[in-house]
Amino acid sequence: MRRQRLADFHVPANFRGRSAFFVQFWWLVDALLFRPSPQFMYGWRRFLLRCFGAKVGKGVKVRSSAEITYPWKVVIGDDAWVGDDAVIYSLVDIVIGDNTCVSQRVYLCTGSHDYASESFDYCCEPIRIGSGCWLCTSVFVAPGVTVGDNVVVGACSVVLRDLAADGVYAGTPAVFVKRRVFGNSLDDE
């Protein structure tokens, strides 16, 4: 009987996209300069992310407790927000559009493992979150997912497939609930 053999796992060459030294340097800067920075120092955190290759738009607000694995694989559009304890697990590219809110404890996960591989190989796919979106607290977005513009994903939802623009989605897995129409508040329904 064939079995999983974790001792056979290896990280593919050039997987991280930068040298081991550069990766370790980012983790040191993250631990000593990014995470301890006071809440209001959004400009400082934008600067640090840009120094490490992230493409970060104007007015972006990334909280100091957010975790960004490899900034050089991340694009964040103008006036976007990344909340407390959000995880940007950028083993491959992650794009977050303009005016998008990635709330606290959201997990954008570009990588997993091939459960059918004896050596537990990586399987990674990019994530794209459109403009004008709101991923509510504790949303999980799986590898390879594209979320269309103006989408809301309800709290604690699991996004396993692409979501079409202008919708409200919720659940595990996330399913379409209704169209997102601006000017209709929750109190109007």
N, C-alpha and C. Protein backbone atom coordinates (compact mmCIF):
# COMPACT_ATOMS: atom_id res chain seq x y z
N MET A 1 0.84 -1.19 0.00
CA MET A 1 0.00 0.00 0.00
C MET A 1 0.88 1.25 0.00
N ARG A 2 0.56 2.18 -0.89
CA ARG A 2 1.31 3.43 -0.96
C ARG A 2 0.85 4.37 0.15
N ARG A 3 1.77 5.14 0.68
CA ARG A 3 1.47 6.05 1.77
C ARG A 3 2.15 7.41 1.55
N GLN A 4 1.63 8.37 2.24
CA GLN A 4 2.24 9.69 2.24
C GLN A 4 3.59 9.63 2.94
N ARG A 5 4.61 10.26 2.33
CA ARG A 5 5.96 10.26 2.88
C ARG A 5 6.45 11.70 2.97
N LEU A 6 6.24 12.33 4.11
CA LEU A 6 6.60 13.73 4.27
C LEU A 6 8.10 13.96 4.16
N ALA A 7 8.90 12.95 4.48
CA ALA A 7 10.36 13.09 4.35
C ALA A 7 10.77 13.34 2.90
N ASP A 8 9.92 12.98 1.94
CA ASP A 8 10.22 13.18 0.52
C ASP A 8 9.79 14.55 0.00
N PHE A 9 9.11 15.34 0.83
CA PHE A 9 8.67 16.67 0.41
C PHE A 9 9.88 17.58 0.21
N HIS A 10 9.82 18.42 -0.81
CA HIS A 10 10.83 19.44 -1.00
C HIS A 10 10.18 20.68 -1.62
N VAL A 11 10.73 21.82 -1.25
CA VAL A 11 10.26 23.08 -1.82
C VAL A 11 10.88 23.22 -3.21
N PRO A 12 10.08 23.43 -4.24
CA PRO A 12 10.62 23.56 -5.60
C PRO A 12 11.63 24.70 -5.71
N ALA A 13 12.58 24.57 -6.61
CA ALA A 13 13.57 25.61 -6.85
C ALA A 13 12.88 26.93 -7.21
N ASN A 14 13.38 28.02 -6.69
CA ASN A 14 12.87 29.38 -6.93
C ASN A 14 11.41 29.57 -6.52
N PHE A 15 10.90 28.69 -5.68
CA PHE A 15 9.50 28.75 -5.28
C PHE A 15 9.15 30.07 -4.61
N ARG A 16 10.03 30.54 -3.74
CA ARG A 16 9.74 31.75 -2.98
C ARG A 16 9.89 33.02 -3.81
N GLY A 17 10.58 32.94 -4.94
CA GLY A 17 10.72 34.09 -5.82
C GLY A 17 11.82 35.05 -5.41
N ARG A 18 12.48 34.80 -4.33
CA ARG A 18 13.62 35.58 -3.85
C ARG A 18 14.58 34.62 -3.15
N SER A 19 15.77 35.11 -2.88
CA SER A 19 16.77 34.28 -2.20
C SER A 19 16.35 33.98 -0.76
N ALA A 20 16.91 32.93 -0.20
CA ALA A 20 16.63 32.58 1.19
C ALA A 20 16.99 33.73 2.12
N PHE A 21 18.10 34.42 1.84
CA PHE A 21 18.49 35.57 2.65
C PHE A 21 17.41 36.66 2.61
N PHE A 22 16.92 36.99 1.41
CA PHE A 22 15.91 38.03 1.26
C PHE A 22 14.63 37.67 2.02
N VAL A 23 14.22 36.40 1.92
CA VAL A 23 13.02 35.94 2.63
C VAL A 23 13.22 36.09 4.13
N GLN A 24 14.36 35.66 4.64
CA GLN A 24 14.62 35.77 6.08
C GLN A 24 14.69 37.22 6.51
N PHE A 25 15.26 38.07 5.65
CA PHE A 25 15.33 39.50 5.96
C PHE A 25 13.92 40.09 6.06
N TRP A 26 13.02 39.72 5.13
CA TRP A 26 11.63 40.18 5.22
C TRP A 26 11.01 39.74 6.55
N TRP A 27 11.20 38.50 6.92
CA TRP A 27 10.60 38.01 8.16
C TRP A 27 11.15 38.76 9.38
N LEU A 28 12.42 39.14 9.33
CA LEU A 28 13.02 39.92 10.42
C LEU A 28 12.41 41.33 10.45
N VAL A 29 12.33 41.97 9.29
CA VAL A 29 11.73 43.31 9.21
C VAL A 29 10.27 43.25 9.65
N ASP A 30 9.54 42.23 9.23
CA ASP A 30 8.15 42.05 9.64
C ASP A 30 8.04 41.98 11.16
N ALA A 31 8.90 41.17 11.77
CA ALA A 31 8.84 40.97 13.22
C ALA A 31 9.28 42.20 14.01
N LEU A 32 10.27 42.93 13.50
CA LEU A 32 10.85 44.03 14.28
C LEU A 32 10.32 45.41 13.92
N LEU A 33 9.85 45.61 12.69
CA LEU A 33 9.45 46.94 12.25
C LEU A 33 7.99 47.03 11.81
N PHE A 34 7.46 45.99 11.18
CA PHE A 34 6.09 46.03 10.66
C PHE A 34 5.09 45.78 11.79
N ARG A 35 5.15 44.62 12.41
CA ARG A 35 4.16 44.23 13.42
C ARG A 35 4.14 45.12 14.66
N PRO A 36 5.29 45.58 15.16
CA PRO A 36 5.23 46.43 16.36
C PRO A 36 4.80 47.87 16.08
N SER A 37 4.64 48.25 14.82
CA SER A 37 4.31 49.64 14.51
C SER A 37 2.91 49.99 15.01
N PRO A 38 2.75 51.22 15.53
CA PRO A 38 1.43 51.65 16.04
C PRO A 38 0.37 51.63 14.94
N GLN A 39 -0.86 51.49 15.35
CA GLN A 39 -1.99 51.36 14.43
C GLN A 39 -2.01 52.44 13.35
N PHE A 40 -1.77 53.68 13.72
CA PHE A 40 -1.94 54.80 12.79
C PHE A 40 -0.82 54.89 11.74
N MET A 41 0.21 54.06 11.81
CA MET A 41 1.37 54.19 10.91
C MET A 41 1.18 53.41 9.59
N TYR A 42 0.07 53.66 8.93
CA TYR A 42 -0.23 52.98 7.67
C TYR A 42 0.82 53.32 6.60
N GLY A 43 1.25 54.55 6.55
CA GLY A 43 2.26 54.97 5.58
C GLY A 43 3.57 54.22 5.77
N TRP A 44 3.96 54.01 6.99
CA TRP A 44 5.18 53.25 7.31
C TRP A 44 5.06 51.81 6.80
N ARG A 45 3.92 51.19 7.05
CA ARG A 45 3.74 49.80 6.60
C ARG A 45 3.66 49.72 5.07
N ARG A 46 3.03 50.71 4.43
CA ARG A 46 3.03 50.75 2.95
C ARG A 46 4.47 50.84 2.44
N PHE A 47 5.27 51.70 3.08
CA PHE A 47 6.67 51.86 2.70
C PHE A 47 7.43 50.54 2.82
N LEU A 48 7.28 49.85 3.94
CA LEU A 48 7.98 48.59 4.14
C LEU A 48 7.57 47.55 3.10
N LEU A 49 6.27 47.45 2.84
CA LEU A 49 5.81 46.49 1.85
C LEU A 49 6.37 46.81 0.46
N ARG A 50 6.38 48.09 0.10
CA ARG A 50 6.95 48.50 -1.20
C ARG A 50 8.44 48.20 -1.27
N CYS A 51 9.16 48.39 -0.16
CA CYS A 51 10.60 48.08 -0.13
C CYS A 51 10.85 46.61 -0.43
N PHE A 52 9.88 45.76 -0.13
CA PHE A 52 10.03 44.33 -0.37
C PHE A 52 9.26 43.86 -1.60
N GLY A 53 8.93 44.81 -2.48
CA GLY A 53 8.42 44.45 -3.79
C GLY A 53 6.91 44.41 -3.95
N ALA A 54 6.16 44.67 -2.89
CA ALA A 54 4.70 44.72 -3.03
C ALA A 54 4.32 45.94 -3.86
N LYS A 55 3.27 45.80 -4.65
CA LYS A 55 2.72 46.93 -5.38
C LYS A 55 1.51 47.39 -4.57
N VAL A 56 1.68 48.52 -3.87
CA VAL A 56 0.68 49.00 -2.93
C VAL A 56 0.21 50.37 -3.38
N GLY A 57 -1.10 50.51 -3.58
CA GLY A 57 -1.68 51.75 -4.04
C GLY A 57 -1.71 52.83 -2.98
N LYS A 58 -2.19 54.00 -3.39
CA LYS A 58 -2.28 55.13 -2.45
C LYS A 58 -3.43 54.90 -1.47
N GLY A 59 -3.26 55.39 -0.26
CA GLY A 59 -4.31 55.34 0.74
C GLY A 59 -4.59 53.96 1.31
N VAL A 60 -3.75 52.97 1.01
CA VAL A 60 -3.97 51.61 1.53
C VAL A 60 -3.74 51.58 3.03
N LYS A 61 -4.60 50.86 3.74
CA LYS A 61 -4.47 50.70 5.19
C LYS A 61 -4.32 49.21 5.51
N VAL A 62 -3.10 48.85 5.89
CA VAL A 62 -2.81 47.48 6.30
C VAL A 62 -2.52 47.53 7.79
N ARG A 63 -3.28 46.76 8.57
CA ARG A 63 -3.07 46.73 10.02
C ARG A 63 -1.78 46.00 10.34
N SER A 64 -1.17 46.37 11.46
CA SER A 64 0.14 45.82 11.82
C SER A 64 0.10 44.33 12.14
N SER A 65 -1.05 43.81 12.51
CA SER A 65 -1.15 42.38 12.83
C SER A 65 -1.43 41.51 11.61
N ALA A 66 -1.59 42.15 10.44
CA ALA A 66 -1.79 41.37 9.20
C ALA A 66 -0.50 40.61 8.88
N GLU A 67 -0.65 39.42 8.32
CA GLU A 67 0.50 38.59 7.97
C GLU A 67 0.57 38.45 6.46
N ILE A 68 1.68 38.88 5.90
CA ILE A 68 1.89 38.80 4.46
C ILE A 68 3.13 37.95 4.22
N THR A 69 2.95 36.78 3.65
CA THR A 69 4.03 35.81 3.52
C THR A 69 5.15 36.33 2.64
N TYR A 70 4.86 36.64 1.38
CA TYR A 70 5.87 37.14 0.43
C TYR A 70 5.32 38.40 -0.22
N PRO A 71 5.68 39.58 0.29
CA PRO A 71 5.11 40.83 -0.25
C PRO A 71 5.35 41.02 -1.74
N TRP A 72 6.44 40.51 -2.27
CA TRP A 72 6.77 40.68 -3.69
C TRP A 72 5.79 39.95 -4.60
N LYS A 73 4.88 39.19 -4.03
CA LYS A 73 3.85 38.50 -4.82
C LYS A 73 2.46 39.09 -4.58
N VAL A 74 2.41 40.32 -4.04
CA VAL A 74 1.14 40.94 -3.65
C VAL A 74 0.96 42.28 -4.35
N VAL A 75 -0.27 42.50 -4.83
CA VAL A 75 -0.69 43.79 -5.38
C VAL A 75 -1.94 44.21 -4.61
N ILE A 76 -1.92 45.43 -4.07
CA ILE A 76 -3.08 45.97 -3.34
C ILE A 76 -3.44 47.31 -3.97
N GLY A 77 -4.68 47.43 -4.43
CA GLY A 77 -5.13 48.64 -5.10
C GLY A 77 -5.35 49.82 -4.18
N ASP A 78 -5.59 50.97 -4.77
CA ASP A 78 -5.80 52.22 -4.03
C ASP A 78 -6.94 52.09 -3.01
N ASP A 79 -6.71 52.70 -1.85
CA ASP A 79 -7.71 52.84 -0.79
C ASP A 79 -8.28 51.52 -0.29
N ALA A 80 -7.53 50.44 -0.45
CA ALA A 80 -7.96 49.13 0.08
C ALA A 80 -7.57 49.02 1.55
N TRP A 81 -8.25 48.15 2.27
CA TRP A 81 -7.98 47.90 3.68
C TRP A 81 -7.67 46.42 3.89
N VAL A 82 -6.70 46.14 4.75
CA VAL A 82 -6.40 44.78 5.19
C VAL A 82 -6.45 44.79 6.71
N GLY A 83 -7.39 44.04 7.28
CA GLY A 83 -7.69 44.12 8.70
C GLY A 83 -6.78 43.33 9.62
N ASP A 84 -7.05 43.47 10.90
CA ASP A 84 -6.29 42.79 11.94
C ASP A 84 -6.30 41.28 11.73
N ASP A 85 -5.12 40.69 11.88
CA ASP A 85 -4.93 39.24 11.82
C ASP A 85 -5.33 38.61 10.48
N ALA A 86 -5.48 39.43 9.45
CA ALA A 86 -5.71 38.88 8.11
C ALA A 86 -4.43 38.17 7.67
N VAL A 87 -4.58 37.08 6.93
CA VAL A 87 -3.44 36.34 6.41
C VAL A 87 -3.46 36.40 4.89
N ILE A 88 -2.39 36.95 4.34
CA ILE A 88 -2.20 37.01 2.90
C ILE A 88 -1.12 35.96 2.60
N TYR A 89 -1.55 34.72 2.40
CA TYR A 89 -0.63 33.60 2.21
C TYR A 89 -0.25 33.53 0.74
N SER A 90 0.71 34.36 0.39
CA SER A 90 1.06 34.64 -1.00
C SER A 90 2.19 33.74 -1.50
N LEU A 91 1.93 32.45 -1.56
CA LEU A 91 2.92 31.55 -2.16
C LEU A 91 3.04 31.81 -3.65
N VAL A 92 1.93 32.24 -4.27
CA VAL A 92 1.91 32.79 -5.63
C VAL A 92 1.13 34.09 -5.56
N ASP A 93 0.87 34.72 -6.70
CA ASP A 93 0.32 36.08 -6.72
C ASP A 93 -1.06 36.21 -6.09
N ILE A 94 -1.22 37.31 -5.37
CA ILE A 94 -2.52 37.74 -4.84
C ILE A 94 -2.72 39.19 -5.26
N VAL A 95 -3.87 39.46 -5.87
CA VAL A 95 -4.23 40.82 -6.28
C VAL A 95 -5.50 41.20 -5.54
N ILE A 96 -5.46 42.35 -4.88
CA ILE A 96 -6.62 42.91 -4.17
C ILE A 96 -6.93 44.24 -4.84
N GLY A 97 -8.16 44.42 -5.31
CA GLY A 97 -8.53 45.61 -6.07
C GLY A 97 -8.69 46.86 -5.24
N ASP A 98 -8.93 47.97 -5.94
CA ASP A 98 -9.17 49.27 -5.31
C ASP A 98 -10.41 49.21 -4.42
N ASN A 99 -10.36 49.96 -3.32
CA ASN A 99 -11.53 50.13 -2.44
C ASN A 99 -12.11 48.81 -1.93
N THR A 100 -11.25 47.83 -1.75
CA THR A 100 -11.69 46.53 -1.23
C THR A 100 -11.30 46.41 0.23
N CYS A 101 -12.21 45.90 1.03
CA CYS A 101 -11.98 45.68 2.46
C CYS A 101 -11.80 44.19 2.72
N VAL A 102 -10.59 43.82 3.14
CA VAL A 102 -10.29 42.47 3.59
C VAL A 102 -10.31 42.54 5.11
N SER A 103 -11.40 42.11 5.72
CA SER A 103 -11.62 42.31 7.15
C SER A 103 -10.73 41.43 8.02
N GLN A 104 -10.88 41.61 9.32
CA GLN A 104 -10.06 40.89 10.29
C GLN A 104 -10.23 39.37 10.15
N ARG A 105 -9.11 38.69 10.30
CA ARG A 105 -9.02 37.22 10.29
C ARG A 105 -9.40 36.59 8.94
N VAL A 106 -9.47 37.37 7.87
CA VAL A 106 -9.66 36.77 6.53
C VAL A 106 -8.39 36.02 6.18
N TYR A 107 -8.53 34.90 5.48
CA TYR A 107 -7.38 34.09 5.07
C TYR A 107 -7.43 33.91 3.56
N LEU A 108 -6.51 34.56 2.85
CA LEU A 108 -6.37 34.40 1.41
C LEU A 108 -5.26 33.38 1.19
N CYS A 109 -5.64 32.18 0.78
CA CYS A 109 -4.74 31.03 0.75
C CYS A 109 -4.44 30.59 -0.68
N THR A 110 -3.24 30.92 -1.18
CA THR A 110 -2.89 30.54 -2.55
C THR A 110 -2.30 29.14 -2.66
N GLY A 111 -2.02 28.50 -1.54
CA GLY A 111 -1.33 27.22 -1.63
C GLY A 111 -1.86 26.15 -0.71
N SER A 112 -1.74 24.94 -1.19
CA SER A 112 -2.10 23.77 -0.42
C SER A 112 -1.14 22.66 -0.82
N HIS A 113 -1.51 21.44 -0.53
CA HIS A 113 -0.70 20.28 -0.90
C HIS A 113 -1.55 19.31 -1.70
N ASP A 114 -0.92 18.57 -2.57
CA ASP A 114 -1.59 17.55 -3.37
C ASP A 114 -1.74 16.30 -2.52
N TYR A 115 -2.94 16.03 -2.06
CA TYR A 115 -3.17 14.89 -1.18
C TYR A 115 -2.92 13.55 -1.86
N ALA A 116 -2.89 13.53 -3.20
CA ALA A 116 -2.64 12.29 -3.93
C ALA A 116 -1.15 12.06 -4.18
N SER A 117 -0.33 13.02 -3.84
CA SER A 117 1.11 12.92 -4.04
C SER A 117 1.75 12.30 -2.80
N GLU A 118 2.51 11.25 -3.00
CA GLU A 118 3.19 10.62 -1.86
C GLU A 118 4.13 11.59 -1.17
N SER A 119 4.73 12.51 -1.93
CA SER A 119 5.66 13.47 -1.34
C SER A 119 4.97 14.77 -0.93
N PHE A 120 3.61 14.79 -0.98
CA PHE A 120 2.83 15.91 -0.47
C PHE A 120 3.20 17.23 -1.15
N ASP A 121 3.39 17.17 -2.49
CA ASP A 121 3.83 18.33 -3.26
C ASP A 121 2.88 19.51 -3.10
N TYR A 122 3.44 20.71 -3.27
CA TYR A 122 2.62 21.91 -3.27
C TYR A 122 1.71 21.92 -4.50
N CYS A 123 0.53 22.50 -4.34
CA CYS A 123 -0.31 22.88 -5.47
C CYS A 123 -0.80 24.30 -5.16
N CYS A 124 -0.38 25.24 -5.97
CA CYS A 124 -0.63 26.65 -5.70
C CYS A 124 -1.28 27.31 -6.91
N GLU A 125 -2.21 28.22 -6.65
CA GLU A 125 -2.86 29.00 -7.70
C GLU A 125 -3.10 30.41 -7.19
N PRO A 126 -3.00 31.41 -8.06
CA PRO A 126 -3.20 32.80 -7.64
C PRO A 126 -4.64 33.10 -7.25
N ILE A 127 -4.79 34.17 -6.49
CA ILE A 127 -6.11 34.67 -6.07
C ILE A 127 -6.24 36.11 -6.57
N ARG A 128 -7.44 36.43 -7.08
CA ARG A 128 -7.74 37.81 -7.46
C ARG A 128 -9.04 38.23 -6.80
N ILE A 129 -8.95 39.31 -6.03
CA ILE A 129 -10.13 39.91 -5.40
C ILE A 129 -10.38 41.22 -6.13
N GLY A 130 -11.57 41.40 -6.66
CA GLY A 130 -11.90 42.58 -7.45
C GLY A 130 -11.95 43.86 -6.65
N SER A 131 -12.32 44.94 -7.32
CA SER A 131 -12.47 46.25 -6.68
C SER A 131 -13.84 46.37 -6.04
N GLY A 132 -13.90 47.17 -4.97
CA GLY A 132 -15.16 47.44 -4.31
C GLY A 132 -15.74 46.28 -3.54
N CYS A 133 -14.91 45.33 -3.17
CA CYS A 133 -15.39 44.13 -2.45
C CYS A 133 -15.28 44.32 -0.94
N TRP A 134 -16.02 43.49 -0.23
CA TRP A 134 -15.91 43.40 1.22
C TRP A 134 -15.91 41.93 1.59
N LEU A 135 -14.76 41.45 2.06
CA LEU A 135 -14.67 40.11 2.62
C LEU A 135 -14.81 40.28 4.13
N CYS A 136 -15.96 39.89 4.66
CA CYS A 136 -16.25 40.09 6.08
C CYS A 136 -15.35 39.20 6.94
N THR A 137 -15.45 39.37 8.24
CA THR A 137 -14.55 38.69 9.16
C THR A 137 -14.49 37.18 8.96
N SER A 138 -13.29 36.65 9.05
CA SER A 138 -13.00 35.21 9.06
C SER A 138 -13.38 34.47 7.79
N VAL A 139 -13.40 35.15 6.66
CA VAL A 139 -13.65 34.50 5.37
C VAL A 139 -12.38 33.76 4.94
N PHE A 140 -12.55 32.56 4.38
CA PHE A 140 -11.45 31.80 3.80
C PHE A 140 -11.63 31.79 2.28
N VAL A 141 -10.57 32.15 1.55
CA VAL A 141 -10.60 32.11 0.09
C VAL A 141 -9.55 31.10 -0.37
N ALA A 142 -10.00 30.10 -1.13
CA ALA A 142 -9.16 28.99 -1.55
C ALA A 142 -8.27 29.37 -2.75
N PRO A 143 -7.22 28.58 -2.99
CA PRO A 143 -6.34 28.82 -4.13
C PRO A 143 -7.11 28.83 -5.46
N GLY A 144 -6.72 29.76 -6.34
CA GLY A 144 -7.27 29.81 -7.68
C GLY A 144 -8.58 30.56 -7.83
N VAL A 145 -9.08 31.14 -6.75
CA VAL A 145 -10.39 31.81 -6.79
C VAL A 145 -10.25 33.24 -7.31
N THR A 146 -11.22 33.65 -8.12
CA THR A 146 -11.38 35.04 -8.52
C THR A 146 -12.71 35.53 -7.98
N VAL A 147 -12.66 36.63 -7.26
CA VAL A 147 -13.86 37.28 -6.73
C VAL A 147 -14.11 38.52 -7.57
N GLY A 148 -15.27 38.60 -8.21
CA GLY A 148 -15.59 39.72 -9.08
C GLY A 148 -15.73 41.03 -8.34
N ASP A 149 -15.82 42.12 -9.07
CA ASP A 149 -15.97 43.46 -8.49
C ASP A 149 -17.28 43.57 -7.70
N ASN A 150 -17.24 44.39 -6.67
CA ASN A 150 -18.43 44.76 -5.87
C ASN A 150 -19.10 43.56 -5.20
N VAL A 151 -18.31 42.60 -4.78
CA VAL A 151 -18.84 41.41 -4.10
C VAL A 151 -18.72 41.58 -2.59
N VAL A 152 -19.72 41.11 -1.87
CA VAL A 152 -19.66 40.99 -0.41
C VAL A 152 -19.70 39.50 -0.08
N VAL A 153 -18.78 39.07 0.78
CA VAL A 153 -18.77 37.69 1.26
C VAL A 153 -19.01 37.73 2.76
N GLY A 154 -20.09 37.09 3.21
CA GLY A 154 -20.50 37.13 4.60
C GLY A 154 -19.50 36.50 5.56
N ALA A 155 -19.59 36.89 6.80
CA ALA A 155 -18.68 36.44 7.85
C ALA A 155 -18.59 34.91 7.90
N CYS A 156 -17.39 34.43 8.11
CA CYS A 156 -17.08 33.00 8.30
C CYS A 156 -17.40 32.13 7.09
N SER A 157 -17.52 32.72 5.92
CA SER A 157 -17.80 31.95 4.70
C SER A 157 -16.53 31.33 4.16
N VAL A 158 -16.71 30.28 3.36
CA VAL A 158 -15.60 29.58 2.72
C VAL A 158 -15.80 29.69 1.21
N VAL A 159 -14.88 30.36 0.54
CA VAL A 159 -14.99 30.60 -0.90
C VAL A 159 -14.10 29.59 -1.63
N LEU A 160 -14.74 28.63 -2.30
CA LEU A 160 -14.03 27.56 -2.99
C LEU A 160 -14.06 27.72 -4.50
N ARG A 161 -14.95 28.58 -5.01
CA ARG A 161 -15.11 28.79 -6.46
C ARG A 161 -15.20 30.28 -6.75
N ASP A 162 -15.00 30.64 -8.02
CA ASP A 162 -15.11 32.03 -8.44
C ASP A 162 -16.48 32.59 -8.09
N LEU A 163 -16.50 33.87 -7.73
CA LEU A 163 -17.75 34.56 -7.42
C LEU A 163 -17.97 35.67 -8.43
N ALA A 164 -19.16 35.69 -9.04
CA ALA A 164 -19.49 36.70 -10.05
C ALA A 164 -19.66 38.07 -9.42
N ALA A 165 -19.43 39.09 -10.20
CA ALA A 165 -19.51 40.48 -9.75
C ALA A 165 -20.90 40.83 -9.24
N ASP A 166 -20.94 41.85 -8.36
CA ASP A 166 -22.18 42.48 -7.89
C ASP A 166 -23.09 41.54 -7.12
N GLY A 167 -22.50 40.61 -6.38
CA GLY A 167 -23.31 39.69 -5.60
C GLY A 167 -22.95 39.71 -4.13
N VAL A 168 -23.89 39.23 -3.33
CA VAL A 168 -23.66 38.97 -1.91
C VAL A 168 -23.68 37.45 -1.76
N TYR A 169 -22.63 36.92 -1.14
CA TYR A 169 -22.46 35.47 -0.99
C TYR A 169 -22.23 35.16 0.48
N ALA A 170 -22.65 33.97 0.89
CA ALA A 170 -22.41 33.56 2.27
C ALA A 170 -22.49 32.04 2.36
N GLY A 171 -21.88 31.50 3.40
CA GLY A 171 -22.01 30.08 3.68
C GLY A 171 -20.73 29.29 3.49
N THR A 172 -20.87 28.00 3.75
CA THR A 172 -19.76 27.06 3.64
C THR A 172 -20.22 25.86 2.84
N PRO A 173 -19.94 25.81 1.55
CA PRO A 173 -19.23 26.83 0.77
C PRO A 173 -20.13 28.03 0.47
N ALA A 174 -19.48 29.14 0.14
CA ALA A 174 -20.22 30.38 -0.14
C ALA A 174 -21.11 30.20 -1.37
N VAL A 175 -22.37 30.64 -1.25
CA VAL A 175 -23.32 30.59 -2.35
C VAL A 175 -23.95 31.98 -2.51
N PHE A 176 -24.49 32.21 -3.70
CA PHE A 176 -25.14 33.48 -4.00
C PHE A 176 -26.36 33.68 -3.11
N VAL A 177 -26.47 34.86 -2.51
CA VAL A 177 -27.62 35.20 -1.68
C VAL A 177 -28.52 36.20 -2.38
N LYS A 178 -27.91 37.26 -2.93
CA LYS A 178 -28.68 38.28 -3.65
C LYS A 178 -27.71 39.21 -4.36
N ARG A 179 -28.27 40.05 -5.23
CA ARG A 179 -27.46 41.06 -5.90
C ARG A 179 -27.10 42.16 -4.92
N ARG A 180 -25.91 42.72 -5.08
CA ARG A 180 -25.52 43.87 -4.28
C ARG A 180 -25.97 45.12 -5.01
N VAL A 181 -26.86 45.85 -4.39
CA VAL A 181 -27.40 47.08 -4.97
C VAL A 181 -27.07 48.22 -4.03
N PHE A 182 -26.32 49.19 -4.51
CA PHE A 182 -25.96 50.33 -3.69
C PHE A 182 -27.17 51.22 -3.46
N GLY A 183 -27.29 51.74 -2.25
CA GLY A 183 -28.43 52.57 -1.90
C GLY A 183 -29.47 51.80 -1.10
N ASN A 184 -29.34 50.47 -1.05
CA ASN A 184 -30.23 49.66 -0.21
C ASN A 184 -29.48 49.27 1.05
N SER A 185 -29.87 49.83 2.16
CA SER A 185 -29.21 49.44 3.41
C SER A 185 -29.88 48.19 3.95
N LEU A 186 -29.27 47.60 4.93
CA LEU A 186 -29.83 46.40 5.55
C LEU A 186 -31.19 46.69 6.16
N ASP A 187 -31.40 47.94 6.59
CA ASP A 187 -32.67 48.31 7.22
C ASP A 187 -33.83 48.39 6.22
N ASP A 188 -33.51 48.51 4.92
CA ASP A 188 -34.55 48.66 3.90
C ASP A 188 -35.19 47.34 3.50
N GLU A 189 -34.65 46.22 3.97
CA GLU A 189 -35.16 44.92 3.51
C GLU A 189 -36.13 44.31 4.46
